[in-house]
Full PDB file with SEQRES, HELIX, SHEET, SSBOND, CRYST1, ORIGX, SCALE, CONECT and MASTER records, all heavy atoms in Angstrom:
SEQRES   1 A   37  ILE TYR TYR CYS ALA ALA SER ARG LEU LEU PHE ARG LEU          
SEQRES   2 A   37  CYS VAL GLN LYS ASN PRO PHE THR GLY ASP TYR TYR PRO          
SEQRES   3 A   37  MET ASP TYR TRP GLY LYS GLY THR LEU VAL THR                  
HELIX    1 AA1 PHE A   11  LEU A   13  5                                   3    
SHEET    1 AA1 2 ALA A   5  ALA A   6  0                                        
SHEET    2 AA1 2 TYR A  29  TRP A  30 -1                                        
CRYST1    1.000    1.000    1.000  90.00  90.00  90.00 P 1           1          
ORIGX1      1.000000  0.000000  0.000000        0.00000                         
ORIGX2      0.000000  1.000000  0.000000        0.00000                         
ORIGX3      0.000000  0.000000  1.000000        0.00000                         
SCALE1      1.000000  0.000000  0.000000        0.00000                         
SCALE2      0.000000  1.000000  0.000000        0.00000                         
SCALE3      0.000000  0.000000  1.000000        0.00000                         
ATOM      1  N   ILE A   1     290.889 140.149 110.878  1.00  0.00           N  
ATOM      2  CA  ILE A   1     289.445 140.128 111.128  1.00  0.00           C  
ATOM      3  C   ILE A   1     289.106 141.624 111.512  1.00  0.00           C  
ATOM      4  O   ILE A   1     289.735 142.143 112.393  1.00  0.00           O  
ATOM      5  CB  ILE A   1     289.068 139.199 112.270  1.00  0.00           C  
ATOM      6  CG1 ILE A   1     289.367 137.767 111.925  1.00  0.00           C  
ATOM      7  CG2 ILE A   1     287.563 139.320 112.533  1.00  0.00           C  
ATOM      8  CD1 ILE A   1     289.140 136.754 113.046  1.00  0.00           C  
ATOM      9  N   TYR A   2     288.202 142.154 110.806  1.00  0.00           N  
ATOM     10  CA  TYR A   2     287.772 143.521 110.997  1.00  0.00           C  
ATOM     11  C   TYR A   2     286.437 143.604 111.782  1.00  0.00           C  
ATOM     12  O   TYR A   2     285.461 142.828 111.478  1.00  0.00           O  
ATOM     13  CB  TYR A   2     287.574 144.252 109.694  1.00  0.00           C  
ATOM     14  CG  TYR A   2     288.910 144.653 109.065  1.00  0.00           C  
ATOM     15  CD1 TYR A   2     289.727 143.646 108.535  1.00  0.00           C  
ATOM     16  CD2 TYR A   2     289.309 145.998 109.048  1.00  0.00           C  
ATOM     17  CE1 TYR A   2     290.936 144.033 107.935  1.00  0.00           C  
ATOM     18  CE2 TYR A   2     290.550 146.342 108.423  1.00  0.00           C  
ATOM     19  CZ  TYR A   2     291.344 145.299 107.959  1.00  0.00           C  
ATOM     20  OH  TYR A   2     292.576 145.687 107.372  1.00  0.00           O  
ATOM     21  N   TYR A   3     286.439 144.344 112.807  1.00  0.00           N  
ATOM     22  CA  TYR A   3     285.237 144.455 113.713  1.00  0.00           C  
ATOM     23  C   TYR A   3     284.757 145.903 113.726  1.00  0.00           C  
ATOM     24  O   TYR A   3     285.573 146.870 113.661  1.00  0.00           O  
ATOM     25  CB  TYR A   3     285.616 144.134 115.164  1.00  0.00           C  
ATOM     26  CG  TYR A   3     286.183 142.739 115.376  1.00  0.00           C  
ATOM     27  CD1 TYR A   3     287.506 142.533 115.347  1.00  0.00           C  
ATOM     28  CD2 TYR A   3     285.308 141.694 115.714  1.00  0.00           C  
ATOM     29  CE1 TYR A   3     288.043 141.209 115.536  1.00  0.00           C  
ATOM     30  CE2 TYR A   3     285.771 140.475 115.911  1.00  0.00           C  
ATOM     31  CZ  TYR A   3     287.226 140.230 115.854  1.00  0.00           C  
ATOM     32  OH  TYR A   3     287.689 138.996 116.121  1.00  0.00           O  
ATOM     33  N   CYS A   4     283.499 146.110 113.744  1.00  0.00           N  
ATOM     34  CA  CYS A   4     282.888 147.445 113.991  1.00  0.00           C  
ATOM     35  C   CYS A   4     282.357 147.515 115.398  1.00  0.00           C  
ATOM     36  O   CYS A   4     281.959 146.477 115.929  1.00  0.00           O  
ATOM     37  CB  CYS A   4     281.884 147.849 112.938  1.00  0.00           C  
ATOM     38  SG  CYS A   4     280.350 146.927 113.011  1.00  0.00           S  
ATOM     39  N   ALA A   5     282.304 148.683 116.008  1.00  0.00           N  
ATOM     40  CA  ALA A   5     281.811 148.843 117.312  1.00  0.00           C  
ATOM     41  C   ALA A   5     281.150 150.246 117.504  1.00  0.00           C  
ATOM     42  O   ALA A   5     281.650 151.208 116.870  1.00  0.00           O  
ATOM     43  CB  ALA A   5     282.978 148.697 118.361  1.00  0.00           C  
ATOM     44  N   ALA A   6     280.125 150.309 118.297  1.00  0.00           N  
ATOM     45  CA  ALA A   6     279.486 151.583 118.526  1.00  0.00           C  
ATOM     46  C   ALA A   6     279.833 152.119 119.901  1.00  0.00           C  
ATOM     47  O   ALA A   6     279.944 151.347 120.891  1.00  0.00           O  
ATOM     48  CB  ALA A   6     277.964 151.321 118.507  1.00  0.00           C  
ATOM     49  N   SER A   7     279.886 153.457 119.995  1.00  0.00           N  
ATOM     50  CA  SER A   7     280.388 154.068 121.243  1.00  0.00           C  
ATOM     51  C   SER A   7     279.549 155.323 121.526  1.00  0.00           C  
ATOM     52  O   SER A   7     279.304 156.116 120.680  1.00  0.00           O  
ATOM     53  CB  SER A   7     281.885 154.470 121.124  1.00  0.00           C  
ATOM     54  OG  SER A   7     282.305 155.239 122.221  1.00  0.00           O  
ATOM     55  N   ARG A   8     279.240 155.497 122.799  1.00  0.00           N  
ATOM     56  CA  ARG A   8     278.536 156.753 123.276  1.00  0.00           C  
ATOM     57  C   ARG A   8     279.611 157.657 123.908  1.00  0.00           C  
ATOM     58  O   ARG A   8     279.202 158.697 124.363  1.00  0.00           O  
ATOM     59  CB  ARG A   8     277.469 156.335 124.328  1.00  0.00           C  
ATOM     60  CG  ARG A   8     276.293 155.624 123.762  1.00  0.00           C  
ATOM     61  CD  ARG A   8     275.350 155.194 124.826  1.00  0.00           C  
ATOM     62  NE  ARG A   8     275.925 154.187 125.681  1.00  0.00           N  
ATOM     63  CZ  ARG A   8     275.363 153.682 126.752  1.00  0.00           C  
ATOM     64  NH1 ARG A   8     274.182 154.089 127.142  1.00  0.00           N  
ATOM     65  NH2 ARG A   8     275.974 152.843 127.475  1.00  0.00           N  
ATOM     66  N   LEU A   9     280.838 157.367 123.837  1.00  0.00           N  
ATOM     67  CA  LEU A   9     281.907 158.188 124.334  1.00  0.00           C  
ATOM     68  C   LEU A   9     282.034 159.386 123.451  1.00  0.00           C  
ATOM     69  O   LEU A   9     281.574 159.531 122.313  1.00  0.00           O  
ATOM     70  CB  LEU A   9     283.198 157.474 124.408  1.00  0.00           C  
ATOM     71  CG  LEU A   9     283.305 156.299 125.366  1.00  0.00           C  
ATOM     72  CD1 LEU A   9     284.637 155.514 125.155  1.00  0.00           C  
ATOM     73  CD2 LEU A   9     283.306 156.835 126.817  1.00  0.00           C  
ATOM     74  N   LEU A  10     282.761 160.394 124.075  1.00  0.00           N  
ATOM     75  CA  LEU A  10     283.151 161.597 123.226  1.00  0.00           C  
ATOM     76  C   LEU A  10     283.928 161.136 122.060  1.00  0.00           C  
ATOM     77  O   LEU A  10     284.728 160.156 122.098  1.00  0.00           O  
ATOM     78  CB  LEU A  10     283.954 162.540 124.028  1.00  0.00           C  
ATOM     79  CG  LEU A  10     283.212 163.191 125.220  1.00  0.00           C  
ATOM     80  CD1 LEU A  10     284.172 164.038 126.044  1.00  0.00           C  
ATOM     81  CD2 LEU A  10     282.079 164.135 124.722  1.00  0.00           C  
ATOM     82  N   PHE A  11     283.716 161.721 120.853  1.00  0.00           N  
ATOM     83  CA  PHE A  11     284.475 161.313 119.690  1.00  0.00           C  
ATOM     84  C   PHE A  11     285.958 161.304 119.906  1.00  0.00           C  
ATOM     85  O   PHE A  11     286.633 160.412 119.369  1.00  0.00           O  
ATOM     86  CB  PHE A  11     284.112 162.244 118.499  1.00  0.00           C  
ATOM     87  CG  PHE A  11     284.918 161.948 117.292  1.00  0.00           C  
ATOM     88  CD1 PHE A  11     284.648 160.852 116.482  1.00  0.00           C  
ATOM     89  CD2 PHE A  11     285.969 162.782 116.901  1.00  0.00           C  
ATOM     90  CE1 PHE A  11     285.426 160.510 115.361  1.00  0.00           C  
ATOM     91  CE2 PHE A  11     286.714 162.542 115.752  1.00  0.00           C  
ATOM     92  CZ  PHE A  11     286.480 161.394 115.039  1.00  0.00           C  
ATOM     93  N   ARG A  12     286.490 162.205 120.640  1.00  0.00           N  
ATOM     94  CA  ARG A  12     287.987 162.264 120.776  1.00  0.00           C  
ATOM     95  C   ARG A  12     288.496 161.078 121.552  1.00  0.00           C  
ATOM     96  O   ARG A  12     289.678 160.813 121.470  1.00  0.00           O  
ATOM     97  CB  ARG A  12     288.344 163.494 121.585  1.00  0.00           C  
ATOM     98  CG  ARG A  12     287.898 163.559 123.034  1.00  0.00           C  
ATOM     99  CD  ARG A  12     288.319 164.889 123.703  1.00  0.00           C  
ATOM    100  NE  ARG A  12     287.932 164.887 125.091  1.00  0.00           N  
ATOM    101  CZ  ARG A  12     288.603 164.393 126.133  1.00  0.00           C  
ATOM    102  NH1 ARG A  12     289.743 163.783 125.884  1.00  0.00           N  
ATOM    103  NH2 ARG A  12     288.170 164.456 127.374  1.00  0.00           N  
ATOM    104  N   LEU A  13     287.587 160.213 122.094  1.00  0.00           N  
ATOM    105  CA  LEU A  13     288.060 159.004 122.822  1.00  0.00           C  
ATOM    106  C   LEU A  13     287.812 157.753 121.978  1.00  0.00           C  
ATOM    107  O   LEU A  13     288.162 156.628 122.373  1.00  0.00           O  
ATOM    108  CB  LEU A  13     287.305 158.865 124.134  1.00  0.00           C  
ATOM    109  CG  LEU A  13     287.439 159.988 125.107  1.00  0.00           C  
ATOM    110  CD1 LEU A  13     286.662 159.644 126.418  1.00  0.00           C  
ATOM    111  CD2 LEU A  13     288.860 160.261 125.462  1.00  0.00           C  
ATOM    112  N   CYS A  14     287.226 157.884 120.757  1.00  0.00           N  
ATOM    113  CA  CYS A  14     286.911 156.804 119.923  1.00  0.00           C  
ATOM    114  C   CYS A  14     288.133 156.188 119.243  1.00  0.00           C  
ATOM    115  O   CYS A  14     288.879 156.930 118.573  1.00  0.00           O  
ATOM    116  CB  CYS A  14     285.911 157.186 118.899  1.00  0.00           C  
ATOM    117  SG  CYS A  14     285.209 155.848 117.922  1.00  0.00           S  
ATOM    118  N   VAL A  15     288.341 154.921 119.382  1.00  0.00           N  
ATOM    119  CA  VAL A  15     289.490 154.162 118.864  1.00  0.00           C  
ATOM    120  C   VAL A  15     290.788 154.870 119.376  1.00  0.00           C  
ATOM    121  O   VAL A  15     291.749 154.948 118.618  1.00  0.00           O  
ATOM    122  CB  VAL A  15     289.453 154.106 117.358  1.00  0.00           C  
ATOM    123  CG1 VAL A  15     290.437 153.133 116.799  1.00  0.00           C  
ATOM    124  CG2 VAL A  15     288.055 153.778 116.839  1.00  0.00           C  
ATOM    125  N   GLN A  16     290.772 155.188 120.590  1.00  0.00           N  
ATOM    126  CA  GLN A  16     291.944 155.779 121.286  1.00  0.00           C  
ATOM    127  C   GLN A  16     292.198 154.970 122.530  1.00  0.00           C  
ATOM    128  O   GLN A  16     291.326 154.346 123.151  1.00  0.00           O  
ATOM    129  CB  GLN A  16     291.704 157.239 121.647  1.00  0.00           C  
ATOM    130  CG  GLN A  16     291.330 158.174 120.457  1.00  0.00           C  
ATOM    131  CD  GLN A  16     292.470 158.292 119.445  1.00  0.00           C  
ATOM    132  OE1 GLN A  16     293.602 158.508 119.829  1.00  0.00           O  
ATOM    133  NE2 GLN A  16     292.118 158.072 118.225  1.00  0.00           N  
ATOM    134  N   LYS A  17     293.442 155.010 122.936  1.00  0.00           N  
ATOM    135  CA  LYS A  17     293.873 154.315 124.148  1.00  0.00           C  
ATOM    136  C   LYS A  17     293.893 155.244 125.376  1.00  0.00           C  
ATOM    137  O   LYS A  17     294.347 156.421 125.240  1.00  0.00           O  
ATOM    138  CB  LYS A  17     295.297 153.684 124.009  1.00  0.00           C  
ATOM    139  CG  LYS A  17     295.320 152.478 123.068  1.00  0.00           C  
ATOM    140  CD  LYS A  17     296.683 151.880 123.051  1.00  0.00           C  
ATOM    141  CE  LYS A  17     296.683 150.573 122.173  1.00  0.00           C  
ATOM    142  NZ  LYS A  17     298.038 150.019 122.163  1.00  0.00           N  
ATOM    143  N   ASN A  18     293.488 154.715 126.467  1.00  0.00           N  
ATOM    144  CA  ASN A  18     293.643 155.502 127.768  1.00  0.00           C  
ATOM    145  C   ASN A  18     295.115 155.571 128.105  1.00  0.00           C  
ATOM    146  O   ASN A  18     295.747 154.546 128.262  1.00  0.00           O  
ATOM    147  CB  ASN A  18     292.877 154.725 128.835  1.00  0.00           C  
ATOM    148  CG  ASN A  18     292.848 155.480 130.161  1.00  0.00           C  
ATOM    149  OD1 ASN A  18     293.786 156.146 130.511  1.00  0.00           O  
ATOM    150  ND2 ASN A  18     291.730 155.281 130.916  1.00  0.00           N  
ATOM    151  N   PRO A  19     295.606 156.767 128.197  1.00  0.00           N  
ATOM    152  CA  PRO A  19     297.074 156.906 128.328  1.00  0.00           C  
ATOM    153  C   PRO A  19     297.515 156.320 129.760  1.00  0.00           C  
ATOM    154  O   PRO A  19     298.715 156.049 129.926  1.00  0.00           O  
ATOM    155  CB  PRO A  19     297.374 158.411 128.311  1.00  0.00           C  
ATOM    156  CG  PRO A  19     295.996 158.984 128.659  1.00  0.00           C  
ATOM    157  CD  PRO A  19     295.052 158.121 128.106  1.00  0.00           C  
ATOM    158  N   PHE A  20     296.631 156.220 130.697  1.00  0.00           N  
ATOM    159  CA  PHE A  20     296.887 155.780 132.026  1.00  0.00           C  
ATOM    160  C   PHE A  20     296.905 154.206 132.158  1.00  0.00           C  
ATOM    161  O   PHE A  20     297.574 153.661 133.064  1.00  0.00           O  
ATOM    162  CB  PHE A  20     296.010 156.329 133.061  1.00  0.00           C  
ATOM    163  CG  PHE A  20     296.089 157.803 133.171  1.00  0.00           C  
ATOM    164  CD1 PHE A  20     295.165 158.614 132.553  1.00  0.00           C  
ATOM    165  CD2 PHE A  20     297.123 158.419 133.850  1.00  0.00           C  
ATOM    166  CE1 PHE A  20     295.231 160.023 132.627  1.00  0.00           C  
ATOM    167  CE2 PHE A  20     297.210 159.827 133.934  1.00  0.00           C  
ATOM    168  CZ  PHE A  20     296.259 160.612 133.302  1.00  0.00           C  
ATOM    169  N   THR A  21     296.150 153.535 131.316  1.00  0.00           N  
ATOM    170  CA  THR A  21     296.013 152.110 131.367  1.00  0.00           C  
ATOM    171  C   THR A  21     296.635 151.370 130.159  1.00  0.00           C  
ATOM    172  O   THR A  21     296.909 150.205 130.207  1.00  0.00           O  
ATOM    173  CB  THR A  21     294.564 151.668 131.505  1.00  0.00           C  
ATOM    174  OG1 THR A  21     293.873 151.972 130.310  1.00  0.00           O  
ATOM    175  CG2 THR A  21     293.923 152.375 132.677  1.00  0.00           C  
ATOM    176  N   GLY A  22     296.719 152.039 129.012  1.00  0.00           N  
ATOM    177  CA  GLY A  22     297.145 151.438 127.793  1.00  0.00           C  
ATOM    178  C   GLY A  22     296.120 150.695 127.054  1.00  0.00           C  
ATOM    179  O   GLY A  22     296.320 150.181 125.984  1.00  0.00           O  
ATOM    180  N   ASP A  23     294.845 150.679 127.604  1.00  0.00           N  
ATOM    181  CA  ASP A  23     293.749 149.989 126.967  1.00  0.00           C  
ATOM    182  C   ASP A  23     292.973 150.981 126.151  1.00  0.00           C  
ATOM    183  O   ASP A  23     292.807 152.138 126.516  1.00  0.00           O  
ATOM    184  CB  ASP A  23     292.864 149.331 128.004  1.00  0.00           C  
ATOM    185  CG  ASP A  23     293.558 148.318 128.925  1.00  0.00           C  
ATOM    186  OD1 ASP A  23     294.384 147.534 128.243  1.00  0.00           O  
ATOM    187  OD2 ASP A  23     293.324 148.248 130.093  1.00  0.00           O  
ATOM    188  N   TYR A  24     292.318 150.442 125.091  1.00  0.00           N  
ATOM    189  CA  TYR A  24     291.373 151.293 124.349  1.00  0.00           C  
ATOM    190  C   TYR A  24     290.174 151.637 125.218  1.00  0.00           C  
ATOM    191  O   TYR A  24     289.716 150.834 126.029  1.00  0.00           O  
ATOM    192  CB  TYR A  24     290.851 150.561 123.050  1.00  0.00           C  
ATOM    193  CG  TYR A  24     291.845 150.458 121.992  1.00  0.00           C  
ATOM    194  CD1 TYR A  24     292.560 149.311 121.717  1.00  0.00           C  
ATOM    195  CD2 TYR A  24     292.098 151.596 121.182  1.00  0.00           C  
ATOM    196  CE1 TYR A  24     293.571 149.243 120.729  1.00  0.00           C  
ATOM    197  CE2 TYR A  24     293.017 151.521 120.102  1.00  0.00           C  
ATOM    198  CZ  TYR A  24     293.701 150.346 119.922  1.00  0.00           C  
ATOM    199  OH  TYR A  24     294.709 150.311 118.866  1.00  0.00           O  
ATOM    200  N   TYR A  25     289.663 152.780 125.064  1.00  0.00           N  
ATOM    201  CA  TYR A  25     288.453 153.265 125.805  1.00  0.00           C  
ATOM    202  C   TYR A  25     287.387 152.236 125.317  1.00  0.00           C  
ATOM    203  O   TYR A  25     287.306 151.908 124.102  1.00  0.00           O  
ATOM    204  CB  TYR A  25     288.068 154.611 125.447  1.00  0.00           C  
ATOM    205  CG  TYR A  25     288.946 155.689 126.083  1.00  0.00           C  
ATOM    206  CD1 TYR A  25     289.937 156.348 125.391  1.00  0.00           C  
ATOM    207  CD2 TYR A  25     288.809 155.989 127.455  1.00  0.00           C  
ATOM    208  CE1 TYR A  25     290.743 157.302 125.985  1.00  0.00           C  
ATOM    209  CE2 TYR A  25     289.600 156.925 128.047  1.00  0.00           C  
ATOM    210  CZ  TYR A  25     290.572 157.598 127.347  1.00  0.00           C  
ATOM    211  OH  TYR A  25     291.442 158.505 127.914  1.00  0.00           O  
ATOM    212  N   PRO A  26     286.543 151.829 126.215  1.00  0.00           N  
ATOM    213  CA  PRO A  26     285.495 150.801 125.924  1.00  0.00           C  
ATOM    214  C   PRO A  26     284.412 151.221 124.920  1.00  0.00           C  
ATOM    215  O   PRO A  26     284.019 152.357 124.932  1.00  0.00           O  
ATOM    216  CB  PRO A  26     284.876 150.411 127.275  1.00  0.00           C  
ATOM    217  CG  PRO A  26     285.091 151.639 128.096  1.00  0.00           C  
ATOM    218  CD  PRO A  26     286.394 152.204 127.656  1.00  0.00           C  
ATOM    219  N   MET A  27     284.003 150.280 124.060  1.00  0.00           N  
ATOM    220  CA  MET A  27     282.900 150.524 123.195  1.00  0.00           C  
ATOM    221  C   MET A  27     281.677 149.855 123.803  1.00  0.00           C  
ATOM    222  O   MET A  27     281.768 149.021 124.580  1.00  0.00           O  
ATOM    223  CB  MET A  27     283.214 149.952 121.774  1.00  0.00           C  
ATOM    224  CG  MET A  27     284.542 150.421 121.163  1.00  0.00           C  
ATOM    225  SD  MET A  27     284.649 152.199 120.837  1.00  0.00           S  
ATOM    226  CE  MET A  27     283.742 152.281 119.302  1.00  0.00           C  
ATOM    227  N   ASP A  28     280.503 150.272 123.352  1.00  0.00           N  
ATOM    228  CA  ASP A  28     279.277 149.762 123.925  1.00  0.00           C  
ATOM    229  C   ASP A  28     278.751 148.491 123.243  1.00  0.00           C  
ATOM    230  O   ASP A  28     278.207 147.600 123.882  1.00  0.00           O  
ATOM    231  CB  ASP A  28     278.181 150.859 123.880  1.00  0.00           C  
ATOM    232  CG  ASP A  28     278.535 152.065 124.671  1.00  0.00           C  
ATOM    233  OD1 ASP A  28     278.800 151.879 125.860  1.00  0.00           O  
ATOM    234  OD2 ASP A  28     278.538 153.165 124.095  1.00  0.00           O  
ATOM    235  N   TYR A  29     278.874 148.369 121.952  1.00  0.00           N  
ATOM    236  CA  TYR A  29     278.389 147.215 121.168  1.00  0.00           C  
ATOM    237  C   TYR A  29     279.489 146.863 120.152  1.00  0.00           C  
ATOM    238  O   TYR A  29     280.091 147.687 119.551  1.00  0.00           O  
ATOM    239  CB  TYR A  29     277.089 147.512 120.460  1.00  0.00           C  
ATOM    240  CG  TYR A  29     275.959 148.053 121.333  1.00  0.00           C  
ATOM    241  CD1 TYR A  29     275.601 149.352 121.385  1.00  0.00           C  
ATOM    242  CD2 TYR A  29     275.293 147.122 122.149  1.00  0.00           C  
ATOM    243  CE1 TYR A  29     274.599 149.814 122.187  1.00  0.00           C  
ATOM    244  CE2 TYR A  29     274.283 147.595 122.988  1.00  0.00           C  
ATOM    245  CZ  TYR A  29     273.945 148.945 123.009  1.00  0.00           C  
ATOM    246  OH  TYR A  29     272.942 149.424 123.874  1.00  0.00           O  
ATOM    247  N   TRP A  30     279.622 145.567 119.958  1.00  0.00           N  
ATOM    248  CA  TRP A  30     280.573 144.960 119.018  1.00  0.00           C  
ATOM    249  C   TRP A  30     279.945 144.004 118.046  1.00  0.00           C  
ATOM    250  O   TRP A  30     279.045 143.286 118.402  1.00  0.00           O  
ATOM    251  CB  TRP A  30     281.671 144.242 119.797  1.00  0.00           C  
ATOM    252  CG  TRP A  30     282.656 145.053 120.488  1.00  0.00           C  
ATOM    253  CD1 TRP A  30     282.478 145.634 121.770  1.00  0.00           C  
ATOM    254  CD2 TRP A  30     283.910 145.509 120.028  1.00  0.00           C  
ATOM    255  NE1 TRP A  30     283.628 146.317 122.093  1.00  0.00           N  
ATOM    256  CE2 TRP A  30     284.514 146.294 121.058  1.00  0.00           C  
ATOM    257  CE3 TRP A  30     284.594 145.270 118.850  1.00  0.00           C  
ATOM    258  CZ2 TRP A  30     285.770 146.900 120.906  1.00  0.00           C  
ATOM    259  CZ3 TRP A  30     285.886 145.909 118.747  1.00  0.00           C  
ATOM    260  CH2 TRP A  30     286.466 146.700 119.746  1.00  0.00           C  
ATOM    261  N   GLY A  31     280.468 144.066 116.802  1.00  0.00           N  
ATOM    262  CA  GLY A  31     280.051 142.999 115.822  1.00  0.00           C  
ATOM    263  C   GLY A  31     280.959 141.746 116.034  1.00  0.00           C  
ATOM    264  O   GLY A  31     281.892 141.798 116.827  1.00  0.00           O  
ATOM    265  N   LYS A  32     280.628 140.753 115.294  1.00  0.00           N  
ATOM    266  CA  LYS A  32     281.305 139.476 115.300  1.00  0.00           C  
ATOM    267  C   LYS A  32     282.623 139.439 114.395  1.00  0.00           C  
ATOM    268  O   LYS A  32     283.479 138.591 114.627  1.00  0.00           O  
ATOM    269  CB  LYS A  32     280.387 138.263 114.914  1.00  0.00           C  
ATOM    270  CG  LYS A  32     279.265 138.083 115.866  1.00  0.00           C  
ATOM    271  CD  LYS A  32     279.722 137.662 117.250  1.00  0.00           C  
ATOM    272  CE  LYS A  32     278.560 137.313 118.142  1.00  0.00           C  
ATOM    273  NZ  LYS A  32     278.949 136.996 119.533  1.00  0.00           N  
ATOM    274  N   GLY A  33     282.697 140.350 113.542  1.00  0.00           N  
ATOM    275  CA  GLY A  33     283.874 140.510 112.688  1.00  0.00           C  
ATOM    276  C   GLY A  33     283.644 139.906 111.263  1.00  0.00           C  
ATOM    277  O   GLY A  33     282.824 139.016 111.077  1.00  0.00           O  
ATOM    278  N   THR A  34     284.493 140.381 110.341  1.00  0.00           N  
ATOM    279  CA  THR A  34     284.549 139.832 108.995  1.00  0.00           C  
ATOM    280  C   THR A  34     286.051 139.724 108.595  1.00  0.00           C  
ATOM    281  O   THR A  34     286.778 140.644 108.874  1.00  0.00           O  
ATOM    282  CB  THR A  34     283.710 140.651 107.974  1.00  0.00           C  
ATOM    283  OG1 THR A  34     283.730 140.018 106.717  1.00  0.00           O  
ATOM    284  CG2 THR A  34     284.274 142.067 107.846  1.00  0.00           C  
ATOM    285  N   LEU A  35     286.366 138.616 107.936  1.00  0.00           N  
ATOM    286  CA  LEU A  35     287.786 138.376 107.658  1.00  0.00           C  
ATOM    287  C   LEU A  35     288.134 138.969 106.260  1.00  0.00           C  
ATOM    288  O   LEU A  35     287.459 138.797 105.302  1.00  0.00           O  
ATOM    289  CB  LEU A  35     288.010 136.832 107.583  1.00  0.00           C  
ATOM    290  CG  LEU A  35     289.422 136.437 107.218  1.00  0.00           C  
ATOM    291  CD1 LEU A  35     290.461 136.909 108.198  1.00  0.00           C  
ATOM    292  CD2 LEU A  35     289.513 134.882 107.060  1.00  0.00           C  
ATOM    293  N   VAL A  36     289.267 139.747 106.297  1.00  0.00           N  
ATOM    294  CA  VAL A  36     289.828 140.285 105.122  1.00  0.00           C  
ATOM    295  C   VAL A  36     291.204 139.672 104.860  1.00  0.00           C  
ATOM    296  O   VAL A  36     292.028 139.719 105.771  1.00  0.00           O  
ATOM    297  CB  VAL A  36     289.965 141.802 105.183  1.00  0.00           C  
ATOM    298  CG1 VAL A  36     290.756 142.379 103.987  1.00  0.00           C  
ATOM    299  CG2 VAL A  36     288.552 142.459 105.203  1.00  0.00           C  
ATOM    300  N   THR A  37     291.423 139.015 103.716  1.00  0.00           N  
ATOM    301  CA  THR A  37     292.662 138.432 103.431  1.00  0.00           C  
ATOM    302  C   THR A  37     293.213 139.084 102.154  1.00  0.00           C  
ATOM    303  O   THR A  37     292.600 139.071 101.112  1.00  0.00           O  
ATOM    304  CB  THR A  37     292.527 136.893 103.178  1.00  0.00           C  
ATOM    305  OG1 THR A  37     292.014 136.329 104.342  1.00  0.00           O  
ATOM    306  CG2 THR A  37     293.844 136.290 102.861  1.00  0.00           C  
TER     307      THR A  37                                                      
MASTER        0    0    0    1    2    0    0    6  306    1    0    3          
END                                                                             
């Protein structure tokens, strides 16, 4: 399932993980997703 998301973060943090937590930096808005098979 592919999701798009919008972010106000610096580009260098987009689709990147926080090295201290292991979590992706948060995005502001998310779509519901579309399935690719």
